[in-house]
Amino acid sequence: MIKLFQYPPASRSEIGKSVLVRMIPALLVLILSTIPLFIFIGKDSAANRDAVRKVTSQETEMAAAAVFIVFLLCVVYISIAAAKASAKHMRNFTCYAYYKGTLYSIGAAVPHSHSNTSNHGMRSIMKAQDDAMEFLSDHYTLKKLLDGEIENSRILVYEVKELTLLKENKNGMKVLLPNGRKQTIYKDMIDYDTLRDIIYIMQK
């Protein structure tokens, strides 16, 4: 019998919603930060209406600088949120399997989209990702893969004969594989406690 340890599947729509939920407050803060700027611009406009030499008040300059700073912070915040969402989506393509007394680290080599990816290319990428997720969630197919009955060039299987538990905290644990690769296993992985017990045993 094969035992799979996977993360709860995160659909593209869920990932998109999570990013949108974080974008909206950031955009609202940016919009609110522009209100003082427009107020000071209006005051400057009124003061300069009949003036020969147009002057920009210090308050307007400070308000403009504040808007620019808030804009940069929003860009950083949204970028971090998008990166975290992308990382969560990529967890769909990794799992652990315990089969015949051996622990395996399994991952799918899937293509990624870019800003200049065409619609046709995007559909191909999405299909490849969906196929990989379906393959990794099929116990019977993975069992045949580990038994050597089938092959899949996109699926990477690593037999974990030993590993080192580097640290453990409230979020999960970080392990070091013999090939020098570090992996973080988060607590929201399905049946996390069982996998943790297996890793504990491997430390003895």
C-alpha atoms as a PDB file:
ATOM      1  CA  MET A   1       0.000   0.000   0.000  1.00  0.00           C
ATOM      2  CA  ILE A   2       1.254   3.456  -0.873  1.00  0.00           C
ATOM      3  CA  LYS A   3       0.808   6.407   1.468  1.00  0.00           C
ATOM      4  CA  LEU A   4       0.811   9.856  -0.125  1.00  0.00           C
ATOM      5  CA  PHE A   5       1.551  13.114   1.643  1.00  0.00           C
ATOM      6  CA  GLN A   6       0.319  16.088  -0.369  1.00  0.00           C
ATOM      7  CA  TYR A   7      -0.783  19.646   0.167  1.00  0.00           C
ATOM      8  CA  PRO A   8      -4.457  20.533  -0.174  1.00  0.00           C
ATOM      9  CA  PRO A   9      -4.931  21.387  -3.860  1.00  0.00           C
ATOM     10  CA  ALA A  10      -4.972  25.113  -4.563  1.00  0.00           C
ATOM     11  CA  SER A  11      -6.810  26.003  -7.758  1.00  0.00           C
ATOM     12  CA  ARG A  12      -5.823  28.914  -9.982  1.00  0.00           C
ATOM     13  CA  SER A  13      -9.023  30.752  -9.084  1.00  0.00           C
ATOM     14  CA  GLU A  14      -8.246  30.413  -5.371  1.00  0.00           C
ATOM     15  CA  ILE A  15      -4.726  31.703  -5.936  1.00  0.00           C
ATOM     16  CA  GLY A  16      -6.059  34.618  -7.989  1.00  0.00           C
ATOM     17  CA  LYS A  17      -8.622  35.503  -5.324  1.00  0.00           C
ATOM     18  CA  SER A  18      -5.993  35.444  -2.579  1.00  0.00           C
ATOM     19  CA  VAL A  19      -3.824  37.891  -4.535  1.00  0.00           C
ATOM     20  CA  LEU A  20      -6.830  40.102  -5.304  1.00  0.00           C
ATOM     21  CA  VAL A  21      -7.820  40.184  -1.630  1.00  0.00           C
ATOM     22  CA  ARG A  22      -4.366  41.554  -0.830  1.00  0.00           C
ATOM     23  CA  MET A  23      -4.311  43.966  -3.760  1.00  0.00           C
ATOM     24  CA  ILE A  24      -7.551  45.759  -2.907  1.00  0.00           C
ATOM     25  CA  PRO A  25      -6.445  47.140   0.509  1.00  0.00           C
ATOM     26  CA  ALA A  26      -3.102  48.211  -0.971  1.00  0.00           C
ATOM     27  CA  LEU A  27      -4.826  50.072  -3.804  1.00  0.00           C
ATOM     28  CA  LEU A  28      -7.240  51.707  -1.353  1.00  0.00           C
ATOM     29  CA  VAL A  29      -4.323  52.945   0.742  1.00  0.00           C
ATOM     30  CA  LEU A  30      -2.701  54.324  -2.414  1.00  0.00           C
ATOM     31  CA  ILE A  31      -5.907  56.120  -3.418  1.00  0.00           C
ATOM     32  CA  LEU A  32      -6.335  57.594   0.067  1.00  0.00           C
ATOM     33  CA  SER A  33      -2.745  58.819   0.039  1.00  0.00           C
ATOM     34  CA  THR A  34      -3.496  60.930  -3.056  1.00  0.00           C
ATOM     35  CA  ILE A  35      -6.294  62.896  -1.361  1.00  0.00           C
ATOM     36  CA  PRO A  36      -3.979  65.312   0.528  1.00  0.00           C
ATOM     37  CA  LEU A  37      -1.951  65.777  -2.660  1.00  0.00           C
ATOM     38  CA  PHE A  38      -4.995  66.885  -4.642  1.00  0.00           C
ATOM     39  CA  ILE A  39      -6.075  69.176  -1.808  1.00  0.00           C
ATOM     40  CA  PHE A  40      -2.690  70.907  -1.715  1.00  0.00           C
ATOM     41  CA  ILE A  41      -2.568  71.097  -5.516  1.00  0.00           C
ATOM     42  CA  GLY A  42      -5.958  72.822  -5.409  1.00  0.00           C
ATOM     43  CA  LYS A  43      -4.690  75.303  -2.849  1.00  0.00           C
ATOM     44  CA  ASP A  44      -1.582  75.984  -4.918  1.00  0.00           C
ATOM     45  CA  SER A  45      -3.716  76.505  -7.992  1.00  0.00           C
ATOM     46  CA  ALA A  46      -5.895  79.015  -6.181  1.00  0.00           C
ATOM     47  CA  ALA A  47      -2.866  80.840  -4.768  1.00  0.00           C
ATOM     48  CA  ASN A  48      -1.141  80.953  -8.146  1.00  0.00           C
ATOM     49  CA  ARG A  49      -4.171  82.011 -10.140  1.00  0.00           C
ATOM     50  CA  ASP A  50      -3.171  85.676 -10.310  1.00  0.00           C
ATOM     51  CA  ALA A  51       0.491  85.247  -9.421  1.00  0.00           C
ATOM     52  CA  VAL A  52       3.202  86.103 -11.928  1.00  0.00           C
ATOM     53  CA  ARG A  53       5.539  83.442 -10.550  1.00  0.00           C
ATOM     54  CA  LYS A  54       3.925  80.081  -9.971  1.00  0.00           C
ATOM     55  CA  VAL A  55       4.979  78.445  -6.708  1.00  0.00           C
ATOM     56  CA  THR A  56       4.556  74.898  -5.463  1.00  0.00           C
ATOM     57  CA  SER A  57       4.076  74.767  -1.724  1.00  0.00           C
ATOM     58  CA  GLN A  58       6.188  72.591   0.534  1.00  0.00           C
ATOM     59  CA  GLU A  59       3.045  70.748   1.617  1.00  0.00           C
ATOM     60  CA  THR A  60       2.358  69.750  -2.002  1.00  0.00           C
ATOM     61  CA  GLU A  61       5.901  68.495  -2.466  1.00  0.00           C
ATOM     62  CA  MET A  62       5.719  66.467   0.750  1.00  0.00           C
ATOM     63  CA  ALA A  63       2.341  65.028  -0.243  1.00  0.00           C
ATOM     64  CA  ALA A  64       3.722  64.034  -3.657  1.00  0.00           C
ATOM     65  CA  ALA A  65       6.706  62.357  -1.994  1.00  0.00           C
ATOM     66  CA  ALA A  66       4.351  60.507   0.358  1.00  0.00           C
ATOM     67  CA  VAL A  67       2.279  59.228  -2.580  1.00  0.00           C
ATOM     68  CA  PHE A  68       5.441  58.023  -4.317  1.00  0.00           C
ATOM     69  CA  ILE A  69       6.604  56.189  -1.183  1.00  0.00           C
ATOM     70  CA  VAL A  70       3.185  54.590  -0.681  1.00  0.00           C
ATOM     71  CA  PHE A  71       3.189  53.543  -4.344  1.00  0.00           C
ATOM     72  CA  LEU A  72       6.570  51.823  -3.945  1.00  0.00           C
ATOM     73  CA  LEU A  73       5.411  50.080  -0.773  1.00  0.00           C
ATOM     74  CA  CYS A  74       2.265  48.874  -2.549  1.00  0.00           C
ATOM     75  CA  VAL A  75       4.331  47.488  -5.430  1.00  0.00           C
ATOM     76  CA  VAL A  76       6.579  45.615  -2.992  1.00  0.00           C
ATOM     77  CA  TYR A  77       3.599  44.347  -0.982  1.00  0.00           C
ATOM     78  CA  ILE A  78       1.719  43.101  -4.050  1.00  0.00           C
ATOM     79  CA  SER A  79       4.884  41.524  -5.474  1.00  0.00           C
ATOM     80  CA  ILE A  80       5.460  39.611  -2.244  1.00  0.00           C
ATOM     81  CA  ALA A  81       1.813  38.516  -2.151  1.00  0.00           C
ATOM     82  CA  ALA A  82       2.027  37.298  -5.755  1.00  0.00           C
ATOM     83  CA  ALA A  83       5.286  35.447  -5.046  1.00  0.00           C
ATOM     84  CA  LYS A  84       3.756  33.707  -2.024  1.00  0.00           C
ATOM     85  CA  ALA A  85       0.671  32.773  -4.035  1.00  0.00           C
ATOM     86  CA  SER A  86       2.844  31.376  -6.816  1.00  0.00           C
ATOM     87  CA  ALA A  87       4.855  29.345  -4.298  1.00  0.00           C
ATOM     88  CA  LYS A  88       1.642  27.959  -2.838  1.00  0.00           C
ATOM     89  CA  HIS A  89       0.474  26.967  -6.312  1.00  0.00           C
ATOM     90  CA  MET A  90       3.787  25.234  -7.049  1.00  0.00           C
ATOM     91  CA  ARG A  91       3.342  23.080  -3.947  1.00  0.00           C
ATOM     92  CA  ASN A  92       0.692  21.229  -5.945  1.00  0.00           C
ATOM     93  CA  PHE A  93       3.524  19.645  -7.906  1.00  0.00           C
ATOM     94  CA  THR A  94       5.443  18.155  -4.983  1.00  0.00           C
ATOM     95  CA  CYS A  95       4.601  15.355  -2.594  1.00  0.00           C
ATOM     96  CA  TYR A  96       6.067  12.592  -0.480  1.00  0.00           C
ATOM     97  CA  ALA A  97       5.185   8.929  -0.774  1.00  0.00           C
ATOM     98  CA  TYR A  98       5.837   6.108   1.683  1.00  0.00           C
ATOM     99  CA  TYR A  99       5.891   2.778  -0.115  1.00  0.00           C
ATOM    100  CA  LYS A 100       7.266  -0.599   0.934  1.00  0.00           C
ATOM    101  CA  GLY A 101       9.088   0.933   3.882  1.00  0.00           C
ATOM    102  CA  THR A 102      10.800   3.609   1.783  1.00  0.00           C
ATOM    103  CA  LEU A 103      10.155   7.336   1.685  1.00  0.00           C
ATOM    104  CA  TYR A 104      10.156   9.059  -1.707  1.00  0.00           C
ATOM    105  CA  SER A 105      10.248  12.732  -2.608  1.00  0.00           C
ATOM    106  CA  ILE A 106       8.273  13.231  -5.809  1.00  0.00           C
ATOM    107  CA  GLY A 107       8.016  16.348  -7.922  1.00  0.00           C
ATOM    108  CA  ALA A 108       6.760  17.334 -11.342  1.00  0.00           C
ATOM    109  CA  ALA A 109       8.834  19.398 -13.764  1.00  0.00           C
ATOM    110  CA  VAL A 110       6.158  21.738 -15.087  1.00  0.00           C
ATOM    111  CA  PRO A 111       6.493  24.783 -17.379  1.00  0.00           C
ATOM    112  CA  HIS A 112       5.853  28.287 -16.075  1.00  0.00           C
ATOM    113  CA  SER A 113       4.101  31.193 -17.714  1.00  0.00           C
ATOM    114  CA  HIS A 114       5.748  34.551 -18.386  1.00  0.00           C
ATOM    115  CA  SER A 115       4.433  38.018 -19.100  1.00  0.00           C
ATOM    116  CA  ASN A 116       4.976  37.520 -22.843  1.00  0.00           C
ATOM    117  CA  THR A 117       3.429  34.038 -22.998  1.00  0.00           C
ATOM    118  CA  SER A 118       0.864  33.766 -25.797  1.00  0.00           C
ATOM    119  CA  ASN A 119      -2.672  32.492 -25.241  1.00  0.00           C
ATOM    120  CA  HIS A 120      -1.817  29.240 -26.993  1.00  0.00           C
ATOM    121  CA  GLY A 121       1.311  28.868 -24.888  1.00  0.00           C
ATOM    122  CA  MET A 122      -0.679  29.575 -21.733  1.00  0.00           C
ATOM    123  CA  ARG A 123      -3.192  26.854 -22.585  1.00  0.00           C
ATOM    124  CA  SER A 124      -0.355  24.387 -23.161  1.00  0.00           C
ATOM    125  CA  ILE A 125       1.233  25.318 -19.833  1.00  0.00           C
ATOM    126  CA  MET A 126      -2.064  24.979 -17.969  1.00  0.00           C
ATOM    127  CA  LYS A 127      -2.701  21.580 -19.556  1.00  0.00           C
ATOM    128  CA  ALA A 128       0.789  20.366 -18.603  1.00  0.00           C
ATOM    129  CA  GLN A 129       0.248  21.539 -15.030  1.00  0.00           C
ATOM    130  CA  ASP A 130      -3.194  19.933 -14.822  1.00  0.00           C
ATOM    131  CA  ASP A 131      -1.819  16.652 -16.177  1.00  0.00           C
ATOM    132  CA  ALA A 132       0.986  16.712 -13.601  1.00  0.00           C
ATOM    133  CA  MET A 133      -1.447  17.370 -10.736  1.00  0.00           C
ATOM    134  CA  GLU A 134      -3.688  14.541 -11.907  1.00  0.00           C
ATOM    135  CA  PHE A 135      -0.712  12.168 -12.131  1.00  0.00           C
ATOM    136  CA  LEU A 136       0.559  13.044  -8.647  1.00  0.00           C
ATOM    137  CA  SER A 137      -2.861  12.578  -7.062  1.00  0.00           C
ATOM    138  CA  ASP A 138      -3.400   9.103  -8.549  1.00  0.00           C
ATOM    139  CA  HIS A 139      -2.271   6.501  -5.992  1.00  0.00           C
ATOM    140  CA  TYR A 140      -2.444   3.617  -8.456  1.00  0.00           C
ATOM    141  CA  THR A 141      -0.406   5.402 -11.124  1.00  0.00           C
ATOM    142  CA  LEU A 142       2.247   6.487  -8.635  1.00  0.00           C
ATOM    143  CA  LYS A 143       2.481   2.931  -7.320  1.00  0.00           C
ATOM    144  CA  LYS A 144       3.169   1.691 -10.852  1.00  0.00           C
ATOM    145  CA  LEU A 145       5.757   4.439 -11.298  1.00  0.00           C
ATOM    146  CA  LEU A 146       7.598   3.442  -8.113  1.00  0.00           C
ATOM    147  CA  ASP A 147       7.436  -0.212  -9.137  1.00  0.00           C
ATOM    148  CA  GLY A 148       9.073   0.711 -12.444  1.00  0.00           C
ATOM    149  CA  GLU A 149       6.096  -0.433 -14.509  1.00  0.00           C
ATOM    150  CA  ILE A 150       5.632   2.962 -16.161  1.00  0.00           C
ATOM    151  CA  GLU A 151       7.747   6.035 -16.851  1.00  0.00           C
ATOM    152  CA  ASN A 152       7.000   9.738 -16.974  1.00  0.00           C
ATOM    153  CA  SER A 153       9.739  12.119 -18.040  1.00  0.00           C
ATOM    154  CA  ARG A 154       8.084  15.024 -16.229  1.00  0.00           C
ATOM    155  CA  ILE A 155       7.912  13.268 -12.861  1.00  0.00           C
ATOM    156  CA  LEU A 156      11.078  13.317 -10.760  1.00  0.00           C
ATOM    157  CA  VAL A 157      11.367  10.624  -8.080  1.00  0.00           C
ATOM    158  CA  TYR A 158      14.012  10.740  -5.374  1.00  0.00           C
ATOM    159  CA  GLU A 159      14.407   7.827  -2.974  1.00  0.00           C
ATOM    160  CA  VAL A 160      15.002   9.304   0.473  1.00  0.00           C
ATOM    161  CA  LYS A 161      17.210   6.757   2.202  1.00  0.00           C
ATOM    162  CA  GLU A 162      18.198   9.287   4.840  1.00  0.00           C
ATOM    163  CA  LEU A 163      17.574  12.922   5.637  1.00  0.00           C
ATOM    164  CA  THR A 164      18.426  15.436   8.322  1.00  0.00           C
ATOM    165  CA  LEU A 165      15.803  17.363  10.252  1.00  0.00           C
ATOM    166  CA  LEU A 166      17.258  20.869  10.375  1.00  0.00           C
ATOM    167  CA  LYS A 167      14.565  22.617  12.364  1.00  0.00           C
ATOM    168  CA  GLU A 168      10.919  22.448  13.328  1.00  0.00           C
ATOM    169  CA  ASN A 169       8.555  25.233  14.306  1.00  0.00           C
ATOM    170  CA  LYS A 170       4.863  26.088  14.362  1.00  0.00           C
ATOM    171  CA  ASN A 171       4.771  26.331  10.559  1.00  0.00           C
ATOM    172  CA  GLY A 172       6.355  22.966   9.812  1.00  0.00           C
ATOM    173  CA  MET A 173       9.858  21.582   9.442  1.00  0.00           C
ATOM    174  CA  LYS A 174      12.878  22.003   7.212  1.00  0.00           C
ATOM    175  CA  VAL A 175      14.819  18.925   6.130  1.00  0.00           C
ATOM    176  CA  LEU A 176      18.092  18.367   4.319  1.00  0.00           C
ATOM    177  CA  LEU A 177      18.228  15.636   1.683  1.00  0.00           C
ATOM    178  CA  PRO A 178      21.441  13.698   0.950  1.00  0.00           C
ATOM    179  CA  ASN A 179      21.842  15.553  -2.358  1.00  0.00           C
ATOM    180  CA  GLY A 180      22.200  18.806  -0.408  1.00  0.00           C
ATOM    181  CA  ARG A 181      18.725  20.069  -1.253  1.00  0.00           C
ATOM    182  CA  LYS A 182      16.713  21.678   1.517  1.00  0.00           C
ATOM    183  CA  GLN A 183      12.947  21.258   1.621  1.00  0.00           C
ATOM    184  CA  THR A 184      10.360  22.887   3.834  1.00  0.00           C
ATOM    185  CA  ILE A 185       7.403  20.718   4.776  1.00  0.00           C
ATOM    186  CA  TYR A 186       4.492  22.826   5.984  1.00  0.00           C
ATOM    187  CA  LYS A 187       1.958  21.722   8.569  1.00  0.00           C
ATOM    188  CA  ASP A 188      -0.986  22.060   6.216  1.00  0.00           C
ATOM    189  CA  MET A 189       0.265  19.013   4.301  1.00  0.00           C
ATOM    190  CA  ILE A 190      -2.344  16.260   4.462  1.00  0.00           C
ATOM    191  CA  ASP A 191      -1.431  13.720   7.175  1.00  0.00           C
ATOM    192  CA  TYR A 192       1.522  15.855   8.230  1.00  0.00           C
ATOM    193  CA  ASP A 193       1.823  14.134  11.629  1.00  0.00           C
ATOM    194  CA  THR A 194       2.354  10.715  10.040  1.00  0.00           C
ATOM    195  CA  LEU A 195       5.085  12.060   7.764  1.00  0.00           C
ATOM    196  CA  ARG A 196       6.705  13.791  10.721  1.00  0.00           C
ATOM    197  CA  ASP A 197       6.758  10.495  12.642  1.00  0.00           C
ATOM    198  CA  ILE A 198       8.438   8.778   9.673  1.00  0.00           C
ATOM    199  CA  ILE A 199      11.066  11.527   9.557  1.00  0.00           C
ATOM    200  CA  TYR A 200      11.603  11.237  13.322  1.00  0.00           C
ATOM    201  CA  ILE A 201      12.267   7.512  12.925  1.00  0.00           C
ATOM    202  CA  MET A 202      14.775   8.220  10.147  1.00  0.00           C
ATOM    203  CA  GLN A 203      16.753  10.425  12.558  1.00  0.00           C
ATOM    204  CA  LYS A 204      17.532   7.465  14.845  1.00  0.00           C
END
